[in-house]
Amino acid sequence: HIKDLDSGEVSNVTAEWDRSVSSYAFSHDG
């Protein structure tokens, strides 16, 4: 899930991907 801190909008960006995430990190450009 990613929240835009300006608008407050929250998106589940992996909702349509049928894998469970163990770990993650942003790229440098986000």
Full PDB file with SEQRES, HELIX, SHEET, SSBOND, CRYST1, ORIGX, SCALE, CONECT and MASTER records, all heavy atoms in Angstrom:
SEQRES   1 A   30  HIS ILE LYS ASP LEU ASP SER GLY GLU VAL SER ASN VAL          
SEQRES   2 A   30  THR ALA GLU TRP ASP ARG SER VAL SER SER TYR ALA PHE          
SEQRES   3 A   30  SER HIS ASP GLY                                              
SHEET    1 AA1 2 ILE A   2  LYS A   3  0                                        
SHEET    2 AA1 2 VAL A  10  SER A  11 -1                                        
CRYST1    1.000    1.000    1.000  90.00  90.00  90.00 P 1           1          
ORIGX1      1.000000  0.000000  0.000000        0.00000                         
ORIGX2      0.000000  1.000000  0.000000        0.00000                         
ORIGX3      0.000000  0.000000  1.000000        0.00000                         
SCALE1      1.000000  0.000000  0.000000        0.00000                         
SCALE2      0.000000  1.000000  0.000000        0.00000                         
SCALE3      0.000000  0.000000  1.000000        0.00000                         
ATOM      1  N   HIS A   1       0.849  -1.178   0.000  1.00  0.00           N  
ATOM      2  CA  HIS A   1       0.000   0.000   0.000  1.00  0.00           C  
ATOM      3  C   HIS A   1       0.889   1.234   0.000  1.00  0.00           C  
ATOM      4  O   HIS A   1       1.905   1.275   0.700  1.00  0.00           O  
ATOM      5  CB  HIS A   1      -0.909   0.018   1.232  1.00  0.00           C  
ATOM      6  CG  HIS A   1      -1.930  -1.072   1.239  1.00  0.00           C  
ATOM      7  ND1 HIS A   1      -3.284  -0.835   1.234  1.00  0.00           N  
ATOM      8  CD2 HIS A   1      -1.801  -2.420   1.237  1.00  0.00           C  
ATOM      9  CE1 HIS A   1      -3.943  -1.976   1.234  1.00  0.00           C  
ATOM     10  NE2 HIS A   1      -3.056  -2.960   1.242  1.00  0.00           N  
ATOM     11  N   ILE A   2       0.512   2.248  -0.778  1.00  0.00           N  
ATOM     12  CA  ILE A   2       1.281   3.491  -0.848  1.00  0.00           C  
ATOM     13  C   ILE A   2       0.349   4.670  -0.607  1.00  0.00           C  
ATOM     14  O   ILE A   2      -0.694   4.789  -1.254  1.00  0.00           O  
ATOM     15  CB  ILE A   2       1.993   3.646  -2.203  1.00  0.00           C  
ATOM     16  CG1 ILE A   2       3.013   2.523  -2.399  1.00  0.00           C  
ATOM     17  CG2 ILE A   2       2.686   5.003  -2.295  1.00  0.00           C  
ATOM     18  CD1 ILE A   2       3.777   2.592  -3.704  1.00  0.00           C  
ATOM     19  N   LYS A   3       0.749   5.523   0.329  1.00  0.00           N  
ATOM     20  CA  LYS A   3      -0.037   6.719   0.662  1.00  0.00           C  
ATOM     21  C   LYS A   3       0.684   7.958   0.158  1.00  0.00           C  
ATOM     22  O   LYS A   3       1.867   8.174   0.454  1.00  0.00           O  
ATOM     23  CB  LYS A   3      -0.233   6.819   2.177  1.00  0.00           C  
ATOM     24  CG  LYS A   3      -1.051   8.025   2.618  1.00  0.00           C  
ATOM     25  CD  LYS A   3      -1.270   8.018   4.124  1.00  0.00           C  
ATOM     26  CE  LYS A   3      -2.153   9.174   4.558  1.00  0.00           C  
ATOM     27  NZ  LYS A   3      -2.416   9.143   6.018  1.00  0.00           N  
ATOM     28  N   ASP A   4      -0.023   8.770  -0.629  1.00  0.00           N  
ATOM     29  CA  ASP A   4       0.481  10.078  -1.025  1.00  0.00           C  
ATOM     30  C   ASP A   4       0.303  11.017   0.154  1.00  0.00           C  
ATOM     31  O   ASP A   4      -0.820  11.282   0.590  1.00  0.00           O  
ATOM     32  CB  ASP A   4      -0.274  10.593  -2.250  1.00  0.00           C  
ATOM     33  CG  ASP A   4       0.310  11.881  -2.787  1.00  0.00           C  
ATOM     34  OD1 ASP A   4       0.196  12.912  -2.087  1.00  0.00           O  
ATOM     35  OD2 ASP A   4       0.858  11.865  -3.900  1.00  0.00           O  
ATOM     36  N   LEU A   5       1.397  11.521   0.696  1.00  0.00           N  
ATOM     37  CA  LEU A   5       1.320  12.282   1.935  1.00  0.00           C  
ATOM     38  C   LEU A   5       0.755  13.686   1.743  1.00  0.00           C  
ATOM     39  O   LEU A   5       0.352  14.330   2.713  1.00  0.00           O  
ATOM     40  CB  LEU A   5       2.698  12.353   2.585  1.00  0.00           C  
ATOM     41  CG  LEU A   5       3.265  10.988   3.018  1.00  0.00           C  
ATOM     42  CD1 LEU A   5       4.649  11.147   3.623  1.00  0.00           C  
ATOM     43  CD2 LEU A   5       2.332  10.292   3.989  1.00  0.00           C  
ATOM     44  N   ASP A   6       0.697  14.173   0.509  1.00  0.00           N  
ATOM     45  CA  ASP A   6       0.067  15.470   0.247  1.00  0.00           C  
ATOM     46  C   ASP A   6      -1.449  15.341   0.161  1.00  0.00           C  
ATOM     47  O   ASP A   6      -2.189  16.087   0.814  1.00  0.00           O  
ATOM     48  CB  ASP A   6       0.617  16.084  -1.047  1.00  0.00           C  
ATOM     49  CG  ASP A   6       2.043  16.577  -0.891  1.00  0.00           C  
ATOM     50  OD1 ASP A   6       2.408  16.935   0.246  1.00  0.00           O  
ATOM     51  OD2 ASP A   6       2.780  16.593  -1.884  1.00  0.00           O  
ATOM     52  N   SER A   7      -1.908  14.388  -0.633  1.00  0.00           N  
ATOM     53  CA  SER A   7      -3.353  14.233  -0.844  1.00  0.00           C  
ATOM     54  C   SER A   7      -4.005  13.316   0.174  1.00  0.00           C  
ATOM     55  O   SER A   7      -5.217  13.374   0.377  1.00  0.00           O  
ATOM     56  CB  SER A   7      -3.611  13.687  -2.244  1.00  0.00           C  
ATOM     57  OG  SER A   7      -3.119  12.350  -2.360  1.00  0.00           O  
ATOM     58  N   GLY A   8      -3.221  12.444   0.794  1.00  0.00           N  
ATOM     59  CA  GLY A   8      -3.779  11.460   1.717  1.00  0.00           C  
ATOM     60  C   GLY A   8      -4.322  10.229   1.023  1.00  0.00           C  
ATOM     61  O   GLY A   8      -4.792   9.296   1.685  1.00  0.00           O  
ATOM     62  N   GLU A   9      -4.252  10.170  -0.300  1.00  0.00           N  
ATOM     63  CA  GLU A   9      -4.790   9.039  -1.053  1.00  0.00           C  
ATOM     64  C   GLU A   9      -3.927   7.801  -0.846  1.00  0.00           C  
ATOM     65  O   GLU A   9      -2.700   7.856  -0.894  1.00  0.00           O  
ATOM     66  CB  GLU A   9      -4.853   9.382  -2.537  1.00  0.00           C  
ATOM     67  CG  GLU A   9      -5.418   8.261  -3.399  1.00  0.00           C  
ATOM     68  CD  GLU A   9      -5.421   8.605  -4.869  1.00  0.00           C  
ATOM     69  OE1 GLU A   9      -5.062   9.752  -5.209  1.00  0.00           O  
ATOM     70  OE2 GLU A   9      -5.772   7.735  -5.680  1.00  0.00           O  
ATOM     71  N   VAL A  10      -4.601   6.652  -0.614  1.00  0.00           N  
ATOM     72  CA  VAL A  10      -3.917   5.380  -0.406  1.00  0.00           C  
ATOM     73  C   VAL A  10      -4.271   4.431  -1.546  1.00  0.00           C  
ATOM     74  O   VAL A  10      -5.443   4.277  -1.894  1.00  0.00           O  
ATOM     75  CB  VAL A  10      -4.295   4.748   0.942  1.00  0.00           C  
ATOM     76  CG1 VAL A  10      -3.630   3.378   1.102  1.00  0.00           C  
ATOM     77  CG2 VAL A  10      -3.901   5.662   2.096  1.00  0.00           C  
ATOM     78  N   SER A  11      -3.247   3.780  -2.124  1.00  0.00           N  
ATOM     79  CA  SER A  11      -3.462   2.819  -3.202  1.00  0.00           C  
ATOM     80  C   SER A  11      -2.810   1.491  -2.843  1.00  0.00           C  
ATOM     81  O   SER A  11      -1.688   1.456  -2.330  1.00  0.00           O  
ATOM     82  CB  SER A  11      -2.852   3.331  -4.513  1.00  0.00           C  
ATOM     83  OG  SER A  11      -3.427   4.552  -4.913  1.00  0.00           O  
ATOM     84  N   ASN A  12      -3.534   0.415  -3.114  1.00  0.00           N  
ATOM     85  CA  ASN A  12      -2.963  -0.921  -3.008  1.00  0.00           C  
ATOM     86  C   ASN A  12      -2.382  -1.266  -4.376  1.00  0.00           C  
ATOM     87  O   ASN A  12      -3.103  -1.694  -5.274  1.00  0.00           O  
ATOM     88  CB  ASN A  12      -4.036  -1.929  -2.602  1.00  0.00           C  
ATOM     89  CG  ASN A  12      -3.498  -3.350  -2.504  1.00  0.00           C  
ATOM     90  OD1 ASN A  12      -2.359  -3.627  -2.852  1.00  0.00           O  
ATOM     91  ND2 ASN A  12      -4.332  -4.258  -2.033  1.00  0.00           N  
ATOM     92  N   VAL A  13      -1.083  -1.060  -4.550  1.00  0.00           N  
ATOM     93  CA  VAL A  13      -0.506  -1.141  -5.892  1.00  0.00           C  
ATOM     94  C   VAL A  13      -0.285  -2.579  -6.361  1.00  0.00           C  
ATOM     95  O   VAL A  13      -0.094  -2.810  -7.560  1.00  0.00           O  
ATOM     96  CB  VAL A  13       0.815  -0.351  -5.973  1.00  0.00           C  
ATOM     97  CG1 VAL A  13       0.570   1.120  -5.688  1.00  0.00           C  
ATOM     98  CG2 VAL A  13       1.879  -0.918  -5.049  1.00  0.00           C  
ATOM     99  N   THR A  14      -0.304  -3.558  -5.445  1.00  0.00           N  
ATOM    100  CA  THR A  14      -0.114  -4.959  -5.845  1.00  0.00           C  
ATOM    101  C   THR A  14      -1.393  -5.766  -5.727  1.00  0.00           C  
ATOM    102  O   THR A  14      -1.357  -6.993  -5.707  1.00  0.00           O  
ATOM    103  CB  THR A  14       0.993  -5.624  -5.002  1.00  0.00           C  
ATOM    104  OG1 THR A  14       0.630  -5.561  -3.615  1.00  0.00           O  
ATOM    105  CG2 THR A  14       2.330  -4.931  -5.196  1.00  0.00           C  
ATOM    106  N   ALA A  15      -2.531  -5.108  -5.687  1.00  0.00           N  
ATOM    107  CA  ALA A  15      -3.811  -5.796  -5.487  1.00  0.00           C  
ATOM    108  C   ALA A  15      -4.077  -6.849  -6.556  1.00  0.00           C  
ATOM    109  O   ALA A  15      -4.669  -7.900  -6.282  1.00  0.00           O  
ATOM    110  CB  ALA A  15      -4.950  -4.785  -5.456  1.00  0.00           C  
ATOM    111  N   GLU A  16      -3.647  -6.589  -7.796  1.00  0.00           N  
ATOM    112  CA  GLU A  16      -3.935  -7.502  -8.903  1.00  0.00           C  
ATOM    113  C   GLU A  16      -2.812  -8.497  -9.161  1.00  0.00           C  
ATOM    114  O   GLU A  16      -2.867  -9.248 -10.145  1.00  0.00           O  
ATOM    115  CB  GLU A  16      -4.202  -6.685 -10.177  1.00  0.00           C  
ATOM    116  CG  GLU A  16      -5.330  -5.671 -10.048  1.00  0.00           C  
ATOM    117  CD  GLU A  16      -6.632  -6.317  -9.601  1.00  0.00           C  
ATOM    118  OE1 GLU A  16      -6.968  -7.396 -10.130  1.00  0.00           O  
ATOM    119  OE2 GLU A  16      -7.305  -5.748  -8.714  1.00  0.00           O  
ATOM    120  N   TRP A  17      -1.822  -8.514  -8.302  1.00  0.00           N  
ATOM    121  CA  TRP A  17      -0.655  -9.401  -8.479  1.00  0.00           C  
ATOM    122  C   TRP A  17      -0.697 -10.476  -7.397  1.00  0.00           C  
ATOM    123  O   TRP A  17      -0.608 -10.167  -6.211  1.00  0.00           O  
ATOM    124  CB  TRP A  17       0.621  -8.567  -8.388  1.00  0.00           C  
ATOM    125  CG  TRP A  17       1.887  -9.309  -8.664  1.00  0.00           C  
ATOM    126  CD1 TRP A  17       2.107 -10.246  -9.623  1.00  0.00           C  
ATOM    127  CD2 TRP A  17       3.135  -9.161  -7.959  1.00  0.00           C  
ATOM    128  NE1 TRP A  17       3.409 -10.688  -9.586  1.00  0.00           N  
ATOM    129  CE2 TRP A  17       4.062 -10.035  -8.582  1.00  0.00           C  
ATOM    130  CE3 TRP A  17       3.556  -8.362  -6.904  1.00  0.00           C  
ATOM    131  CZ2 TRP A  17       5.385 -10.143  -8.155  1.00  0.00           C  
ATOM    132  CZ3 TRP A  17       4.871  -8.463  -6.477  1.00  0.00           C  
ATOM    133  CH2 TRP A  17       5.773  -9.337  -7.093  1.00  0.00           C  
ATOM    134  N   ASP A  18      -0.818 -11.717  -7.797  1.00  0.00           N  
ATOM    135  CA  ASP A  18      -1.052 -12.800  -6.837  1.00  0.00           C  
ATOM    136  C   ASP A  18       0.251 -13.371  -6.280  1.00  0.00           C  
ATOM    137  O   ASP A  18       0.549 -14.556  -6.423  1.00  0.00           O  
ATOM    138  CB  ASP A  18      -1.876 -13.905  -7.491  1.00  0.00           C  
ATOM    139  CG  ASP A  18      -2.516 -14.826  -6.449  1.00  0.00           C  
ATOM    140  OD1 ASP A  18      -2.441 -14.502  -5.245  1.00  0.00           O  
ATOM    141  OD2 ASP A  18      -3.090 -15.853  -6.845  1.00  0.00           O  
ATOM    142  N   ARG A  19       1.015 -12.507  -5.659  1.00  0.00           N  
ATOM    143  CA  ARG A  19       2.190 -12.921  -4.914  1.00  0.00           C  
ATOM    144  C   ARG A  19       2.200 -12.165  -3.589  1.00  0.00           C  
ATOM    145  O   ARG A  19       1.713 -11.036  -3.500  1.00  0.00           O  
ATOM    146  CB  ARG A  19       3.479 -12.625  -5.686  1.00  0.00           C  
ATOM    147  CG  ARG A  19       3.725 -13.579  -6.862  1.00  0.00           C  
ATOM    148  CD  ARG A  19       3.977 -15.007  -6.380  1.00  0.00           C  
ATOM    149  NE  ARG A  19       4.179 -15.935  -7.494  1.00  0.00           N  
ATOM    150  CZ  ARG A  19       3.218 -16.648  -8.059  1.00  0.00           C  
ATOM    151  NH1 ARG A  19       1.954 -16.517  -7.641  1.00  0.00           N  
ATOM    152  NH2 ARG A  19       3.487 -17.488  -9.029  1.00  0.00           N  
ATOM    153  N   SER A  20       2.750 -12.814  -2.561  1.00  0.00           N  
ATOM    154  CA  SER A  20       2.875 -12.187  -1.253  1.00  0.00           C  
ATOM    155  C   SER A  20       4.275 -11.608  -1.122  1.00  0.00           C  
ATOM    156  O   SER A  20       5.269 -12.292  -1.389  1.00  0.00           O  
ATOM    157  CB  SER A  20       2.622 -13.209  -0.145  1.00  0.00           C  
ATOM    158  OG  SER A  20       2.625 -12.599   1.125  1.00  0.00           O  
ATOM    159  N   VAL A  21       4.369 -10.345  -0.733  1.00  0.00           N  
ATOM    160  CA  VAL A  21       5.641  -9.632  -0.694  1.00  0.00           C  
ATOM    161  C   VAL A  21       6.371  -9.941   0.616  1.00  0.00           C  
ATOM    162  O   VAL A  21       5.815  -9.775   1.703  1.00  0.00           O  
ATOM    163  CB  VAL A  21       5.415  -8.118  -0.831  1.00  0.00           C  
ATOM    164  CG1 VAL A  21       6.734  -7.361  -0.718  1.00  0.00           C  
ATOM    165  CG2 VAL A  21       4.716  -7.797  -2.150  1.00  0.00           C  
ATOM    166  N   SER A  22       7.621 -10.368   0.500  1.00  0.00           N  
ATOM    167  CA  SER A  22       8.449 -10.597   1.691  1.00  0.00           C  
ATOM    168  C   SER A  22       9.168  -9.330   2.116  1.00  0.00           C  
ATOM    169  O   SER A  22       9.201  -8.976   3.288  1.00  0.00           O  
ATOM    170  CB  SER A  22       9.473 -11.705   1.426  1.00  0.00           C  
ATOM    171  OG  SER A  22       8.842 -12.938   1.183  1.00  0.00           O  
ATOM    172  N   SER A  23       9.778  -8.642   1.152  1.00  0.00           N  
ATOM    173  CA  SER A  23      10.489  -7.394   1.431  1.00  0.00           C  
ATOM    174  C   SER A  23      10.427  -6.520   0.188  1.00  0.00           C  
ATOM    175  O   SER A  23      10.160  -7.008  -0.921  1.00  0.00           O  
ATOM    176  CB  SER A  23      11.946  -7.664   1.820  1.00  0.00           C  
ATOM    177  OG  SER A  23      12.666  -8.189   0.719  1.00  0.00           O  
ATOM    178  N   TYR A  24      10.702  -5.227   0.366  1.00  0.00           N  
ATOM    179  CA  TYR A  24      10.658  -4.321  -0.771  1.00  0.00           C  
ATOM    180  C   TYR A  24      11.487  -3.079  -0.459  1.00  0.00           C  
ATOM    181  O   TYR A  24      11.760  -2.768   0.705  1.00  0.00           O  
ATOM    182  CB  TYR A  24       9.214  -3.927  -1.106  1.00  0.00           C  
ATOM    183  CG  TYR A  24       8.582  -3.014  -0.078  1.00  0.00           C  
ATOM    184  CD1 TYR A  24       8.427  -1.655  -0.324  1.00  0.00           C  
ATOM    185  CD2 TYR A  24       8.162  -3.505   1.166  1.00  0.00           C  
ATOM    186  CE1 TYR A  24       7.861  -0.805   0.623  1.00  0.00           C  
ATOM    187  CE2 TYR A  24       7.598  -2.667   2.108  1.00  0.00           C  
ATOM    188  CZ  TYR A  24       7.457  -1.318   1.834  1.00  0.00           C  
ATOM    189  OH  TYR A  24       6.912  -0.471   2.780  1.00  0.00           O  
ATOM    190  N   ALA A  25      11.870  -2.367  -1.521  1.00  0.00           N  
ATOM    191  CA  ALA A  25      12.609  -1.110  -1.377  1.00  0.00           C  
ATOM    192  C   ALA A  25      12.306  -0.243  -2.588  1.00  0.00           C  
ATOM    193  O   ALA A  25      12.106  -0.748  -3.700  1.00  0.00           O  
ATOM    194  CB  ALA A  25      14.109  -1.372  -1.275  1.00  0.00           C  
ATOM    195  N   PHE A  26      12.278   1.069  -2.371  1.00  0.00           N  
ATOM    196  CA  PHE A  26      12.078   2.003  -3.471  1.00  0.00           C  
ATOM    197  C   PHE A  26      13.349   2.116  -4.311  1.00  0.00           C  
ATOM    198  O   PHE A  26      14.473   2.027  -3.794  1.00  0.00           O  
ATOM    199  CB  PHE A  26      11.751   3.393  -2.937  1.00  0.00           C  
ATOM    200  CG  PHE A  26      10.308   3.596  -2.570  1.00  0.00           C  
ATOM    201  CD1 PHE A  26       9.885   3.448  -1.251  1.00  0.00           C  
ATOM    202  CD2 PHE A  26       9.377   3.949  -3.531  1.00  0.00           C  
ATOM    203  CE1 PHE A  26       8.565   3.652  -0.899  1.00  0.00           C  
ATOM    204  CE2 PHE A  26       8.051   4.160  -3.196  1.00  0.00           C  
ATOM    205  CZ  PHE A  26       7.637   4.010  -1.877  1.00  0.00           C  
ATOM    206  N   SER A  27      13.174   2.351  -5.627  1.00  0.00           N  
ATOM    207  CA  SER A  27      14.282   2.795  -6.460  1.00  0.00           C  
ATOM    208  C   SER A  27      14.636   4.222  -6.075  1.00  0.00           C  
ATOM    209  O   SER A  27      13.864   4.912  -5.400  1.00  0.00           O  
ATOM    210  CB  SER A  27      13.897   2.730  -7.938  1.00  0.00           C  
ATOM    211  OG  SER A  27      12.795   3.600  -8.207  1.00  0.00           O  
ATOM    212  N   HIS A  28      15.793   4.710  -6.505  1.00  0.00           N  
ATOM    213  CA  HIS A  28      16.242   6.051  -6.117  1.00  0.00           C  
ATOM    214  C   HIS A  28      15.310   7.141  -6.620  1.00  0.00           C  
ATOM    215  O   HIS A  28      15.161   8.185  -5.972  1.00  0.00           O  
ATOM    216  CB  HIS A  28      17.673   6.279  -6.620  1.00  0.00           C  
ATOM    217  CG  HIS A  28      18.703   5.879  -5.618  1.00  0.00           C  
ATOM    218  ND1 HIS A  28      19.879   6.553  -5.427  1.00  0.00           N  
ATOM    219  CD2 HIS A  28      18.726   4.861  -4.711  1.00  0.00           C  
ATOM    220  CE1 HIS A  28      20.594   5.977  -4.470  1.00  0.00           C  
ATOM    221  NE2 HIS A  28      19.912   4.942  -4.032  1.00  0.00           N  
ATOM    222  N   ASP A  29      14.670   6.919  -7.790  1.00  0.00           N  
ATOM    223  CA  ASP A  29      13.757   7.935  -8.305  1.00  0.00           C  
ATOM    224  C   ASP A  29      12.333   7.757  -7.790  1.00  0.00           C  
ATOM    225  O   ASP A  29      11.447   8.548  -8.119  1.00  0.00           O  
ATOM    226  CB  ASP A  29      13.766   7.951  -9.840  1.00  0.00           C  
ATOM    227  CG  ASP A  29      13.307   6.629 -10.458  1.00  0.00           C  
ATOM    228  OD1 ASP A  29      12.804   5.760  -9.712  1.00  0.00           O  
ATOM    229  OD2 ASP A  29      13.466   6.476 -11.681  1.00  0.00           O  
ATOM    230  N   GLY A  30      12.105   6.730  -6.972  1.00  0.00           N  
ATOM    231  CA  GLY A  30      10.799   6.520  -6.366  1.00  0.00           C  
ATOM    232  C   GLY A  30       9.745   5.976  -7.301  1.00  0.00           C  
ATOM    233  O   GLY A  30       8.580   5.842  -6.909  1.00  0.00           O  
TER     234      GLY A  30                                                      
MASTER        0    0    0    0    2    0    0    6  233    1    0    3          
END                                                                             
